[in-house]
Amino acid sequence: MFNCPKCNELLNYNVKICPFCRTDVSKKAAEAEKAFEAEIDNEEEMILNVFKRKRIIYFIVCIAFALIGHIICLIASNSDNLRFFAGSMIAIALGALILIVLGIVSGAMICPYCGKFLYRNHLYYCGNCGKRIW
């Protein structure tokens, strides 16, 4: 939507002549439509950038949890205490569960467009809506 330059009435993009004052507005309509499309593209790009940041942070946290889990397992495997080893395995399992919940809650595993859960094979495009997510 844009305003007529002569009478300032609100007009749709597909109008070529203002129905109120009969002014030719075809050039102004084309400019307004291009500006609107550019604004939509910028908004989608911002959504993608926020989503990319969330996923990068999520992947860094996953790597950190995996490294901590491996260190705990190495320490536990050198220990003679079987309870410590079993406890460390339970802690790693709970850590994996926490990572899954963190990914869902933070939005790193949810499509920013359709809101559906992203499975691990949806790296570049959402499998539900088909939009680019990376």
Protein backbone atom coordinates (compact mmCIF):
# COMPACT_ATOMS: atom_id res chain seq x y z
CA MET A 1 0.00 0.00 0.00
CA PHE A 2 1.15 3.54 -0.75
CA ASN A 3 -0.26 7.07 -0.72
CA CYS A 4 -1.24 9.00 -3.84
CA PRO A 5 1.22 11.90 -4.32
CA LYS A 6 -1.60 14.33 -5.21
CA CYS A 7 -4.57 13.54 -2.92
CA ASN A 8 -2.69 11.44 -0.30
CA GLU A 9 -5.26 8.61 -0.39
CA LEU A 10 -4.09 5.09 0.46
CA LEU A 11 -3.85 2.93 -2.69
CA ASN A 12 -3.01 -0.68 -3.52
CA TYR A 13 0.11 -1.61 -5.52
CA ASN A 14 -1.82 -2.81 -8.58
CA VAL A 15 -3.56 0.57 -9.11
CA LYS A 16 -2.24 2.50 -12.11
CA ILE A 17 -4.54 5.55 -11.85
CA CYS A 18 -5.80 6.98 -8.56
CA PRO A 19 -9.59 6.48 -8.43
CA PHE A 20 -10.00 9.61 -6.30
CA CYS A 21 -8.09 12.27 -8.25
CA ARG A 22 -7.31 10.45 -11.56
CA THR A 23 -3.54 10.94 -11.22
CA ASP A 24 -1.21 8.44 -12.93
CA VAL A 25 0.49 6.55 -10.07
CA SER A 26 1.93 3.56 -11.97
CA LYS A 27 5.56 4.62 -11.42
CA LYS A 28 4.99 5.33 -7.72
CA ALA A 29 3.19 1.96 -7.34
CA ALA A 30 6.13 0.08 -8.85
CA GLU A 31 8.60 1.88 -6.55
CA ALA A 32 6.46 1.21 -3.48
CA GLU A 33 6.10 -2.47 -4.38
CA LYS A 34 9.88 -2.85 -4.83
CA ALA A 35 10.49 -1.17 -1.47
CA PHE A 36 7.96 -3.49 0.18
CA GLU A 37 9.57 -6.60 -1.34
CA ALA A 38 13.02 -5.41 -0.23
CA GLU A 39 11.67 -4.91 3.29
CA ILE A 40 10.27 -8.47 3.32
CA ASP A 41 13.62 -9.84 2.08
CA ASN A 42 15.46 -7.94 4.83
CA GLU A 43 13.06 -9.29 7.45
CA GLU A 44 13.55 -12.88 6.25
CA GLU A 45 17.32 -12.36 6.25
CA MET A 46 17.16 -11.12 9.85
CA ILE A 47 15.13 -14.19 10.86
CA LEU A 48 17.73 -16.43 9.20
CA ASN A 49 20.63 -14.66 10.91
CA VAL A 50 19.06 -15.03 14.35
CA PHE A 51 18.33 -18.69 13.65
CA LYS A 52 21.90 -19.30 12.46
CA ARG A 53 23.29 -17.74 15.64
CA LYS A 54 21.05 -19.94 17.78
CA ARG A 55 22.18 -23.07 15.94
CA ILE A 56 25.87 -22.15 16.13
CA ILE A 57 25.63 -21.55 19.89
CA TYR A 58 23.71 -24.81 20.26
CA PHE A 59 26.36 -26.76 18.33
CA ILE A 60 29.15 -25.21 20.42
CA VAL A 61 27.34 -26.21 23.62
CA CYS A 62 26.89 -29.74 22.21
CA ILE A 63 30.61 -30.03 21.49
CA ALA A 64 31.45 -28.74 24.98
CA PHE A 65 29.10 -31.30 26.57
CA ALA A 66 30.62 -34.07 24.47
CA LEU A 67 34.17 -33.11 25.50
CA ILE A 68 33.21 -32.94 29.16
CA GLY A 69 31.50 -36.33 28.85
CA HIS A 70 34.59 -37.87 27.29
CA ILE A 71 36.82 -36.45 30.01
CA ILE A 72 34.51 -37.82 32.70
CA CYS A 73 34.53 -41.24 31.00
CA LEU A 74 38.33 -41.24 30.81
CA ILE A 75 38.59 -40.40 34.49
CA ALA A 76 35.94 -42.96 35.39
CA SER A 77 37.54 -45.72 33.32
CA ASN A 78 40.83 -45.27 35.20
CA SER A 79 39.04 -45.48 38.53
CA ASP A 80 38.43 -48.76 40.32
CA ASN A 81 35.16 -47.47 41.70
CA LEU A 82 32.31 -49.04 39.69
CA ARG A 83 29.71 -46.69 41.20
CA PHE A 84 31.64 -43.67 39.92
CA PHE A 85 31.73 -45.17 36.43
CA ALA A 86 27.97 -45.91 36.47
CA GLY A 87 27.24 -42.45 37.82
CA SER A 88 29.27 -40.85 35.07
CA MET A 89 27.33 -42.80 32.43
CA ILE A 90 24.05 -41.63 33.94
CA ALA A 91 25.35 -38.05 34.01
CA ILE A 92 26.26 -38.27 30.31
CA ALA A 93 22.82 -39.65 29.45
CA LEU A 94 21.15 -36.83 31.38
CA GLY A 95 23.45 -34.34 29.63
CA ALA A 96 22.29 -35.63 26.24
CA LEU A 97 18.66 -35.27 27.34
CA ILE A 98 19.35 -31.73 28.56
CA LEU A 99 20.92 -30.88 25.18
CA ILE A 100 17.84 -32.06 23.32
CA VAL A 101 15.55 -30.03 25.56
CA LEU A 102 17.87 -27.02 25.28
CA GLY A 103 17.78 -27.26 21.48
CA ILE A 104 14.00 -27.32 21.43
CA VAL A 105 13.52 -24.55 24.00
CA SER A 106 16.13 -22.23 22.46
CA GLY A 107 14.62 -22.64 19.01
CA ALA A 108 17.76 -24.13 17.49
CA MET A 109 15.84 -27.25 16.44
CA ILE A 110 12.61 -25.48 15.38
CA CYS A 111 12.03 -24.03 11.90
CA PRO A 112 11.80 -20.22 12.21
CA TYR A 113 9.09 -20.11 9.52
CA CYS A 114 6.66 -22.97 10.17
CA GLY A 115 7.56 -23.77 13.80
CA LYS A 116 7.95 -27.52 13.16
CA PHE A 117 10.70 -29.66 14.69
CA LEU A 118 13.81 -30.02 12.51
CA TYR A 119 15.28 -33.48 12.36
CA ARG A 120 19.00 -33.95 11.86
CA ASN A 121 18.73 -34.36 8.06
CA HIS A 122 17.19 -30.88 7.68
CA LEU A 123 20.41 -28.91 7.41
CA TYR A 124 19.79 -26.36 4.66
CA TYR A 125 16.04 -26.50 4.01
CA CYS A 126 13.09 -27.24 6.28
CA GLY A 127 11.53 -30.60 5.39
CA ASN A 128 8.07 -29.31 6.30
CA CYS A 129 7.77 -25.90 4.60
CA GLY A 130 10.76 -26.13 2.22
CA LYS A 131 12.22 -22.73 3.12
CA ARG A 132 15.96 -22.13 3.40
CA ILE A 133 17.13 -22.25 7.01
CA TRP A 134 20.89 -22.16 6.66
